[in-house]
N, C-alpha and C. Protein backbone atom coordinates (compact mmCIF):
# COMPACT_ATOMS: atom_id res chain seq x y z
N UNK A 1 44.55 53.71 120.46
CA UNK A 1 45.63 54.28 120.57
C UNK A 1 46.79 53.31 121.33
N UNK A 2 45.07 52.20 121.73
CA UNK A 2 45.81 50.87 123.11
C UNK A 2 47.17 50.80 122.20
N UNK A 3 46.93 49.99 120.69
CA UNK A 3 48.25 48.94 120.47
C UNK A 3 48.45 50.44 119.90
N UNK A 4 50.15 50.52 120.79
CA UNK A 4 51.85 51.23 120.20
C UNK A 4 52.10 50.55 118.59
N UNK A 5 52.76 50.77 117.46
CA UNK A 5 53.26 49.92 116.72
C UNK A 5 54.73 50.78 117.46
N UNK A 6 55.45 49.27 116.87
CA UNK A 6 56.88 50.10 117.10
C UNK A 6 58.03 49.41 115.68
N UNK A 7 58.78 50.45 115.67
CA UNK A 7 58.94 49.42 114.06
C UNK A 7 60.75 49.57 114.85
N UNK A 8 61.70 48.85 114.17
CA UNK A 8 62.92 49.23 114.12
C UNK A 8 63.42 49.13 112.40
N UNK A 9 64.67 49.83 113.08
CA UNK A 9 64.79 50.31 111.46
C UNK A 9 65.86 49.09 110.93
N UNK A 10 67.11 49.08 109.65
CA UNK A 10 68.09 48.56 109.54
C UNK A 10 68.29 49.16 108.55
N UNK A 11 70.00 49.23 108.51
CA UNK A 11 70.77 49.49 107.36
C UNK A 11 72.46 49.25 107.38
N UNK A 12 72.79 49.50 105.96
CA UNK A 12 73.76 48.86 105.25
C UNK A 12 74.74 49.77 105.49
N UNK A 13 75.86 49.72 106.06
CA UNK A 13 77.14 50.71 105.85
C UNK A 13 77.73 50.38 104.51
N UNK A 14 77.66 51.31 103.27
CA UNK A 14 78.50 51.06 102.50
C UNK A 14 78.77 52.67 101.85
N UNK A 15 79.68 52.15 100.44
CA UNK A 15 80.14 54.14 99.72
C UNK A 15 79.05 54.57 99.32
N UNK A 16 77.69 53.43 99.08
CA UNK A 16 76.56 53.83 98.39
C UNK A 16 75.27 54.99 99.13
N UNK A 17 74.57 55.21 98.65
CA UNK A 17 73.88 55.95 99.50
C UNK A 17 72.79 55.39 100.30
N UNK A 18 72.60 55.47 101.10
CA UNK A 18 71.73 54.60 102.69
C UNK A 18 70.34 54.58 102.24
N UNK A 19 69.45 53.57 102.29
CA UNK A 19 68.65 53.60 101.99
C UNK A 19 67.47 52.38 103.49
N UNK A 20 66.80 53.00 103.94
CA UNK A 20 66.14 52.65 105.20
C UNK A 20 64.85 51.64 104.88
N UNK A 21 65.15 50.47 105.57
CA UNK A 21 63.97 49.30 105.15
C UNK A 21 62.79 49.54 106.69
N UNK A 22 62.06 49.58 106.92
CA UNK A 22 60.76 49.02 107.69
C UNK A 22 60.88 47.59 107.97
N UNK A 23 61.38 47.27 109.55
CA UNK A 23 60.89 45.74 109.53
C UNK A 23 59.48 45.78 109.69
N UNK A 24 58.98 44.56 110.01
CA UNK A 24 57.19 44.48 109.73
C UNK A 24 56.88 45.10 111.53
N UNK A 25 55.44 45.63 111.43
CA UNK A 25 55.39 46.28 112.69
C UNK A 25 55.38 44.95 113.79
N UNK A 26 55.11 45.55 115.00
CA UNK A 26 54.56 44.14 115.89
C UNK A 26 53.50 44.90 116.66
N UNK A 27 52.61 43.97 117.70
CA UNK A 27 51.83 44.37 119.06
C UNK A 27 53.36 44.10 120.04
N UNK A 28 52.34 45.42 120.70
CA UNK A 28 52.75 45.25 122.44
C UNK A 28 53.03 43.92 123.21
N UNK A 29 51.91 43.41 123.50
CA UNK A 29 51.63 42.42 123.79
C UNK A 29 52.47 41.11 123.14
N UNK A 30 52.72 41.27 121.99
CA UNK A 30 53.53 39.56 121.56
C UNK A 30 54.59 39.29 122.08
N UNK A 31 54.84 38.57 122.98
CA UNK A 31 56.65 38.27 123.36
C UNK A 31 57.17 39.09 121.94
N UNK A 32 59.04 39.16 122.57
CA UNK A 32 59.90 39.10 121.15
C UNK A 32 60.10 37.53 120.90
N UNK A 33 60.28 37.82 119.14
CA UNK A 33 60.90 36.77 118.82
C UNK A 33 62.13 37.31 118.80
N UNK A 34 63.30 35.97 118.44
CA UNK A 34 64.88 36.42 117.78
C UNK A 34 64.90 35.52 116.89
N UNK A 35 65.17 36.68 116.46
CA UNK A 35 65.70 36.22 114.56
C UNK A 35 66.55 35.77 114.37
N UNK A 36 65.94 34.54 113.85
CA UNK A 36 67.30 33.20 113.31
C UNK A 36 69.04 34.21 112.81
N UNK A 37 69.78 34.05 114.09
CA UNK A 37 70.82 34.14 113.00
C UNK A 37 71.24 34.27 111.42
N UNK A 38 71.27 34.78 110.77
CA UNK A 38 71.80 34.98 109.78
C UNK A 38 73.57 34.81 109.95
N UNK A 39 74.12 33.29 109.17
CA UNK A 39 75.66 32.88 109.10
C UNK A 39 75.52 32.73 108.25
N UNK A 40 76.49 32.97 107.57
CA UNK A 40 77.03 32.04 106.00
C UNK A 40 77.54 31.25 105.93
N UNK A 41 77.25 30.49 105.22
CA UNK A 41 77.85 29.04 105.14
C UNK A 41 79.40 29.22 104.32
N UNK A 42 80.54 28.73 104.76
CA UNK A 42 81.77 29.27 104.72
C UNK A 42 81.73 28.90 102.76
N UNK A 43 80.71 28.24 102.49
CA UNK A 43 81.38 28.30 101.11
C UNK A 43 80.14 29.28 100.11
N UNK A 44 79.89 29.81 100.96
CA UNK A 44 78.93 31.42 99.78
C UNK A 44 79.84 32.15 100.17
N UNK A 45 80.10 32.55 100.97
CA UNK A 45 81.11 34.05 101.62
C UNK A 45 82.18 33.92 99.66
N UNK A 46 82.55 32.89 100.09
CA UNK A 46 83.94 33.63 98.82
C UNK A 46 83.23 33.97 97.59
N UNK A 47 81.90 33.46 96.93
CA UNK A 47 81.41 33.79 96.19
C UNK A 47 80.57 35.20 96.35
N UNK A 48 79.82 35.44 97.33
CA UNK A 48 79.20 36.99 97.62
C UNK A 48 80.41 38.21 96.89
N UNK A 49 81.70 37.95 98.19
CA UNK A 49 82.96 39.12 98.06
C UNK A 49 83.14 39.66 96.52
N UNK A 50 84.03 38.99 95.46
CA UNK A 50 83.70 39.15 94.38
C UNK A 50 82.97 40.42 93.75
N UNK A 51 81.66 40.02 93.89
CA UNK A 51 80.71 41.00 93.71
C UNK A 51 80.56 42.07 94.14
N UNK A 52 80.72 41.97 95.43
CA UNK A 52 80.56 43.58 95.95
C UNK A 52 81.68 43.60 95.76
N UNK A 53 82.71 43.16 95.97
CA UNK A 53 83.95 44.24 95.09
C UNK A 53 84.07 44.60 94.58
N UNK A 54 83.42 43.78 93.58
CA UNK A 54 83.59 44.41 91.91
C UNK A 54 82.63 45.71 91.90
N UNK A 55 81.58 46.14 92.58
CA UNK A 55 80.28 46.73 92.56
C UNK A 55 80.50 48.37 93.54
N UNK A 56 81.92 48.06 94.35
CA UNK A 56 82.83 48.49 95.98
C UNK A 56 83.71 49.84 94.45
N UNK A 57 84.56 49.07 93.92
CA UNK A 57 85.87 48.92 92.93
C UNK A 57 84.92 50.43 91.21
N UNK A 58 83.90 49.42 90.93
CA UNK A 58 83.19 50.41 89.89
C UNK A 58 82.77 51.71 90.48
N UNK A 59 81.66 51.53 92.05
CA UNK A 59 81.52 52.91 92.55
C UNK A 59 82.86 53.59 92.79
N UNK A 60 84.06 53.22 93.63
CA UNK A 60 85.36 53.94 93.85
C UNK A 60 85.02 54.87 92.60
N UNK A 61 85.42 53.92 91.21
CA UNK A 61 86.65 54.68 90.70
C UNK A 61 85.12 55.48 89.96
N UNK A 62 84.29 55.18 89.77
CA UNK A 62 83.28 56.75 88.93
C UNK A 62 83.61 58.25 90.30
N UNK A 63 83.52 57.49 91.72
CA UNK A 63 83.67 58.55 92.04
C UNK A 63 84.64 59.46 92.77
N UNK A 64 86.45 58.74 92.12
CA UNK A 64 87.43 59.05 91.51
C UNK A 64 87.60 60.03 90.27
N UNK A 65 86.99 59.89 89.34
CA UNK A 65 87.67 59.81 88.21
C UNK A 65 86.60 61.81 87.74
N UNK A 66 88.33 62.26 87.54
CA UNK A 66 87.66 63.71 87.00
C UNK A 66 87.96 63.68 85.30
N UNK A 67 86.78 64.80 85.74
CA UNK A 67 85.99 65.08 84.39
C UNK A 67 86.65 66.30 83.90
N UNK A 68 86.82 66.29 82.03
CA UNK A 68 87.80 67.33 81.48
C UNK A 68 88.21 69.15 82.14
N UNK A 69 86.37 69.45 82.33
CA UNK A 69 86.11 70.27 82.92
C UNK A 69 87.44 70.68 84.81
N UNK A 70 86.91 69.75 85.30
CA UNK A 70 87.43 69.45 86.50
C UNK A 70 89.68 69.71 86.02
N UNK A 71 89.69 68.81 85.07
CA UNK A 71 91.06 69.22 84.71
C UNK A 71 91.78 70.63 84.61
N UNK A 72 91.01 70.89 83.61
CA UNK A 72 90.91 72.06 82.97
C UNK A 72 91.41 72.94 83.89
N UNK A 73 90.40 73.73 84.90
CA UNK A 73 90.09 74.39 86.21
C UNK A 73 91.38 73.61 86.92
N UNK A 74 91.57 73.49 87.05
CA UNK A 74 92.27 72.85 87.87
C UNK A 74 93.64 72.98 87.81
N UNK A 75 94.56 72.92 86.23
CA UNK A 75 95.42 73.07 85.55
C UNK A 75 95.47 74.08 85.75
N UNK A 76 94.46 75.77 85.21
CA UNK A 76 94.48 76.96 85.14
C UNK A 76 94.37 77.50 86.18
N UNK A 77 94.32 77.19 87.52
CA UNK A 77 94.40 77.41 88.68
C UNK A 77 95.68 77.53 89.47
N UNK A 78 96.81 76.19 88.96
CA UNK A 78 97.80 75.57 88.92
C UNK A 78 98.84 76.83 88.42
N UNK A 79 98.37 76.87 87.34
CA UNK A 79 99.13 78.03 86.57
C UNK A 79 99.43 79.12 86.73
N UNK A 80 97.86 79.51 87.06
CA UNK A 80 97.94 80.92 87.93
C UNK A 80 98.41 82.01 89.30
N UNK A 81 98.65 79.97 89.77
CA UNK A 81 99.18 79.86 90.79
C UNK A 81 101.08 80.65 90.60
N UNK A 82 100.92 79.78 90.15
CA UNK A 82 102.28 79.56 89.73
C UNK A 82 103.34 81.13 88.98
N UNK A 83 102.65 81.32 88.20
CA UNK A 83 102.13 82.27 87.32
C UNK A 83 102.30 83.97 88.50
N UNK A 84 102.08 83.69 89.52
CA UNK A 84 101.48 84.46 90.38
C UNK A 84 102.93 84.69 91.13
N UNK A 85 103.51 83.87 92.03
CA UNK A 85 104.66 83.18 92.49
C UNK A 85 105.29 83.44 91.68
N UNK A 86 105.73 83.18 90.06
CA UNK A 86 106.55 84.05 89.70
C UNK A 86 107.20 85.84 89.57
N UNK A 87 105.71 86.04 89.34
CA UNK A 87 105.36 87.69 89.55
C UNK A 87 106.02 88.56 90.45
N UNK A 88 105.70 88.13 92.17
CA UNK A 88 106.26 88.58 92.76
C UNK A 88 107.33 88.46 93.17
N UNK A 89 108.20 86.75 93.23
CA UNK A 89 109.44 86.75 92.74
C UNK A 89 110.59 88.07 91.62
N UNK A 90 109.56 88.29 91.20
CA UNK A 90 110.42 89.25 89.89
C UNK A 90 110.06 90.86 90.53
N UNK A 91 109.12 91.38 90.69
CA UNK A 91 109.03 92.54 91.46
C UNK A 91 109.46 92.55 92.64
N UNK A 92 109.81 91.30 93.67
CA UNK A 92 110.49 91.38 94.55
C UNK A 92 112.02 91.52 94.14
N UNK A 93 112.11 91.16 93.50
CA UNK A 93 113.79 91.51 93.00
C UNK A 93 113.93 92.50 92.31
N UNK A 94 112.95 92.81 91.41
CA UNK A 94 113.23 94.75 91.16
C UNK A 94 113.54 95.69 91.92
N UNK A 95 112.50 95.51 93.02
CA UNK A 95 112.58 96.73 94.04
C UNK A 95 113.39 96.65 94.67
N UNK A 96 114.22 95.52 95.71
CA UNK A 96 115.91 95.43 96.33
C UNK A 96 116.32 96.07 95.31
N UNK A 97 116.32 95.85 93.69
CA UNK A 97 117.79 96.59 92.75
C UNK A 97 117.21 97.81 92.91
N UNK A 98 116.29 98.26 93.20
CA UNK A 98 115.94 99.93 92.89
C UNK A 98 116.50 100.81 93.91
N UNK A 99 116.10 99.90 95.23
CA UNK A 99 116.45 100.05 96.86
C UNK A 99 118.16 100.18 96.80
N UNK A 100 118.89 99.75 96.47
CA UNK A 100 120.56 99.76 96.13
C UNK A 100 121.17 99.99 95.06
N UNK A 101 120.44 100.84 93.78
CA UNK A 101 120.42 102.10 93.56
C UNK A 101 120.50 103.13 94.07
N UNK A 102 119.23 103.14 94.51
CA UNK A 102 118.84 104.82 95.45
C UNK A 102 119.87 105.24 96.35
N UNK A 103 120.11 103.70 97.23
CA UNK A 103 121.16 104.38 98.55
C UNK A 103 122.89 104.52 97.59
N UNK A 104 123.21 103.92 96.63
CA UNK A 104 123.98 104.11 95.37
C UNK A 104 124.10 105.46 95.27
N UNK A 105 123.29 106.17 95.06
CA UNK A 105 122.92 107.54 94.36
C UNK A 105 123.24 108.32 95.51
N UNK A 106 122.37 108.08 96.62
CA UNK A 106 122.37 109.02 98.18
C UNK A 106 123.64 108.92 98.60
N UNK A 107 124.34 108.18 98.63
CA UNK A 107 125.75 108.26 99.09
C UNK A 107 126.97 108.91 98.05
N UNK A 108 126.48 109.11 96.86
CA UNK A 108 127.28 109.89 95.65
C UNK A 108 127.36 111.23 95.74
N UNK A 109 125.91 111.95 96.23
CA UNK A 109 125.35 113.38 97.09
C UNK A 109 125.44 113.14 97.81
N UNK A 110 125.84 112.52 98.95
CA UNK A 110 126.45 113.34 99.87
C UNK A 110 127.57 113.63 100.17
N UNK A 111 128.54 112.27 98.91
CA UNK A 111 129.65 112.60 98.77
C UNK A 111 130.10 114.21 97.79
N UNK A 112 128.98 114.75 96.55
CA UNK A 112 129.36 115.91 96.36
C UNK A 112 128.63 116.60 97.16
N UNK A 113 127.60 117.09 98.06
CA UNK A 113 127.31 118.01 98.97
C UNK A 113 128.47 118.20 99.83
N UNK A 114 129.55 116.94 100.56
CA UNK A 114 130.49 117.62 101.09
C UNK A 114 131.52 118.14 100.46
N UNK A 115 131.63 117.81 99.46
CA UNK A 115 132.75 118.34 98.15
C UNK A 115 132.37 119.86 97.87
N UNK A 116 131.74 120.10 97.72
CA UNK A 116 130.48 121.94 97.29
C UNK A 116 131.01 121.86 98.78
N UNK A 117 130.20 121.83 100.08
CA UNK A 117 131.02 122.32 101.14
C UNK A 117 132.08 122.85 101.88
N UNK A 118 132.74 121.80 101.57
CA UNK A 118 134.26 122.21 101.15
C UNK A 118 135.60 123.29 100.72
N UNK A 119 134.54 123.13 98.59
CA UNK A 119 135.16 123.90 97.80
C UNK A 119 134.80 125.34 98.35
N UNK A 120 133.50 125.62 99.31
CA UNK A 120 133.09 127.07 99.32
C UNK A 120 133.88 127.85 100.61
N UNK A 121 134.03 126.44 101.46
CA UNK A 121 134.98 126.91 102.44
C UNK A 121 136.38 127.50 102.06
N UNK A 122 136.45 126.92 100.82
CA UNK A 122 137.97 126.92 101.12
C UNK A 122 138.07 128.78 100.04
N UNK A 123 136.73 128.69 99.21
CA UNK A 123 137.21 129.79 98.73
C UNK A 123 136.71 131.19 99.63
N UNK A 124 135.67 131.09 100.40
CA UNK A 124 135.47 132.51 101.21
C UNK A 124 136.68 132.85 102.00
N UNK A 125 137.89 132.00 102.22
CA UNK A 125 138.63 131.89 103.13
C UNK A 125 139.58 132.31 102.59
N UNK A 126 139.88 132.26 101.47
CA UNK A 126 140.85 132.79 100.29
C UNK A 126 141.21 133.52 100.46
N UNK A 127 140.10 134.23 100.48
CA UNK A 127 140.74 136.00 100.02
C UNK A 127 139.89 137.12 101.73
N UNK A 128 140.64 137.97 102.53
CA UNK A 128 140.03 139.26 103.34
C UNK A 128 139.50 139.97 102.98
N UNK A 129 138.96 140.63 103.72
CA UNK A 129 138.37 142.15 103.89
C UNK A 129 139.94 142.77 103.22
N UNK A 130 140.27 142.73 103.79
CA UNK A 130 142.08 143.96 104.14
C UNK A 130 142.68 143.30 102.84
N UNK A 131 142.84 142.45 102.34
CA UNK A 131 143.54 141.74 100.90
C UNK A 131 142.42 142.70 99.55
N UNK A 132 141.52 142.41 100.02
CA UNK A 132 139.59 143.04 98.65
C UNK A 132 140.76 144.32 98.91
N UNK A 133 140.26 145.07 99.42
CA UNK A 133 140.85 146.78 99.88
C UNK A 133 142.10 146.51 99.62
N UNK A 134 142.79 146.03 99.52
CA UNK A 134 144.40 146.47 98.92
C UNK A 134 144.28 146.46 97.83
N UNK A 135 143.92 145.15 97.09
CA UNK A 135 143.79 145.04 95.71
C UNK A 135 142.98 146.50 94.62
N UNK A 136 141.68 146.64 95.51
CA UNK A 136 141.10 147.71 94.73
C UNK A 136 141.51 148.53 95.04
N UNK A 137 142.07 149.31 95.92
CA UNK A 137 143.27 150.77 95.70
C UNK A 137 144.50 151.16 95.05
N UNK A 138 144.92 149.59 95.60
CA UNK A 138 146.11 149.91 95.09
C UNK A 138 146.44 149.58 93.42
N UNK A 139 145.82 148.26 93.08
CA UNK A 139 146.18 148.26 92.11
C UNK A 139 144.64 148.50 90.51
N UNK A 140 143.40 148.79 91.33
CA UNK A 140 142.59 149.76 90.49
C UNK A 140 142.26 151.00 90.90
N UNK A 141 143.24 151.20 91.29
CA UNK A 141 142.59 152.82 91.37
C UNK A 141 141.49 153.20 92.42
N UNK A 142 141.14 152.94 92.70
CA UNK A 142 139.72 152.73 93.06
C UNK A 142 139.75 153.81 95.05
N UNK A 143 139.21 154.64 94.81
CA UNK A 143 138.60 155.44 96.13
C UNK A 143 136.89 155.46 97.21
N UNK A 144 136.97 156.06 98.40
CA UNK A 144 135.70 156.29 98.99
C UNK A 144 135.22 156.96 98.73
N UNK A 145 133.41 156.94 98.67
CA UNK A 145 132.74 157.73 98.15
C UNK A 145 132.76 158.91 99.25
N UNK A 146 132.96 160.28 98.43
CA UNK A 146 133.11 160.91 98.95
C UNK A 146 131.90 161.57 99.49
N UNK A 147 131.75 162.31 100.38
CA UNK A 147 130.68 162.79 101.83
C UNK A 147 128.96 163.05 100.51
N UNK A 148 129.08 163.98 99.57
CA UNK A 148 128.00 164.37 98.61
C UNK A 148 128.18 163.39 97.52
N UNK A 149 129.27 162.78 96.83
CA UNK A 149 128.57 161.39 95.96
C UNK A 149 127.47 160.30 95.83
N UNK A 150 126.82 159.77 97.03
CA UNK A 150 126.11 158.99 97.77
C UNK A 150 124.68 159.54 97.69
N UNK A 151 123.93 159.03 96.42
CA UNK A 151 122.50 160.50 96.89
C UNK A 151 121.43 158.61 97.36
N UNK A 152 120.51 159.21 97.94
CA UNK A 152 120.07 157.86 97.94
C UNK A 152 118.36 157.78 97.40
N UNK A 153 117.58 156.63 96.79
CA UNK A 153 116.73 157.14 95.71
C UNK A 153 115.36 155.85 96.63
N UNK A 154 114.67 156.35 96.72
CA UNK A 154 112.73 154.95 96.70
C UNK A 154 112.45 154.85 95.56
N UNK A 155 112.20 153.46 95.53
CA UNK A 155 111.91 152.24 94.10
C UNK A 155 110.84 152.25 94.48
N UNK A 156 110.49 152.27 93.60
CA UNK A 156 108.71 151.60 94.26
C UNK A 156 109.23 150.16 94.45
N UNK A 157 110.05 149.43 93.10
CA UNK A 157 110.39 148.03 92.99
C UNK A 157 111.74 147.74 94.02
N UNK A 158 112.15 146.92 94.73
CA UNK A 158 112.77 147.30 95.31
C UNK A 158 113.78 146.13 94.95
N UNK A 159 113.79 145.43 93.71
CA UNK A 159 114.37 144.49 93.68
C UNK A 159 115.76 145.01 92.93
N UNK A 160 115.55 146.01 92.13
CA UNK A 160 116.47 145.85 90.97
C UNK A 160 116.08 147.26 90.63
N UNK A 161 117.18 148.05 90.41
CA UNK A 161 116.84 149.45 89.63
C UNK A 161 118.33 149.89 88.60
N UNK A 162 116.97 150.12 87.46
CA UNK A 162 117.56 150.33 86.01
C UNK A 162 117.52 151.66 85.66
N UNK A 163 118.18 151.90 85.15
CA UNK A 163 119.22 153.94 85.42
C UNK A 163 118.16 154.55 83.65
N UNK A 164 117.63 154.54 83.26
CA UNK A 164 117.90 155.38 81.98
C UNK A 164 118.10 156.80 81.72
N UNK A 165 117.99 157.36 82.84
CA UNK A 165 118.21 159.39 82.79
C UNK A 165 119.18 159.32 84.11
N UNK A 166 119.18 160.78 84.08
CA UNK A 166 120.08 160.91 85.36
C UNK A 166 119.22 160.54 86.61
N UNK A 167 119.83 161.11 87.38
CA UNK A 167 119.01 160.35 88.91
C UNK A 167 118.40 161.85 89.46
N UNK A 168 117.43 162.14 89.68
CA UNK A 168 116.90 163.56 90.22
C UNK A 168 117.65 163.41 91.78
N UNK A 169 118.15 165.61 91.88
CA UNK A 169 118.96 165.50 92.81
C UNK A 169 120.11 165.63 92.98
N UNK A 170 121.19 164.75 91.71
CA UNK A 170 122.18 164.49 91.93
C UNK A 170 122.90 165.51 91.27
N UNK A 171 122.50 166.74 91.55
CA UNK A 171 123.23 168.31 90.39
C UNK A 171 124.43 168.66 92.09
């Protein structure tokens, strides 16, 4: 444990997965050496760049390429979104049309109810009780019932009475 090992990691940025390279281990007591500068001569630069560019563009094309399944899935999703939007607009328009029809029918019903109430009021005010009494006594010959002519009868069913025979106690 007296000697501690120190490693230096170097890596290169790029579009590919990074691969780590370990530098050789050096001892603690050794003086640190400066690495020689890796300057590329101007003549070498143009030769290396096209190779790197070709590799990068090939990798870029490969990563950006769409498969047929992915395109089919995306086309299906676009159709689904467009179809649901069209359906929503159609249903919204249908609901608006029905609400307008309901409003028109409600206005018509209110008008008819007002007319009905006016006709009922006109019929109620057309004849008074005095007019009805005069027509009944003078034109139809009706008279008021005398004291012994009215007979009261208790019935189990209070809605109506059908008379099949003489009422008891009417002698």
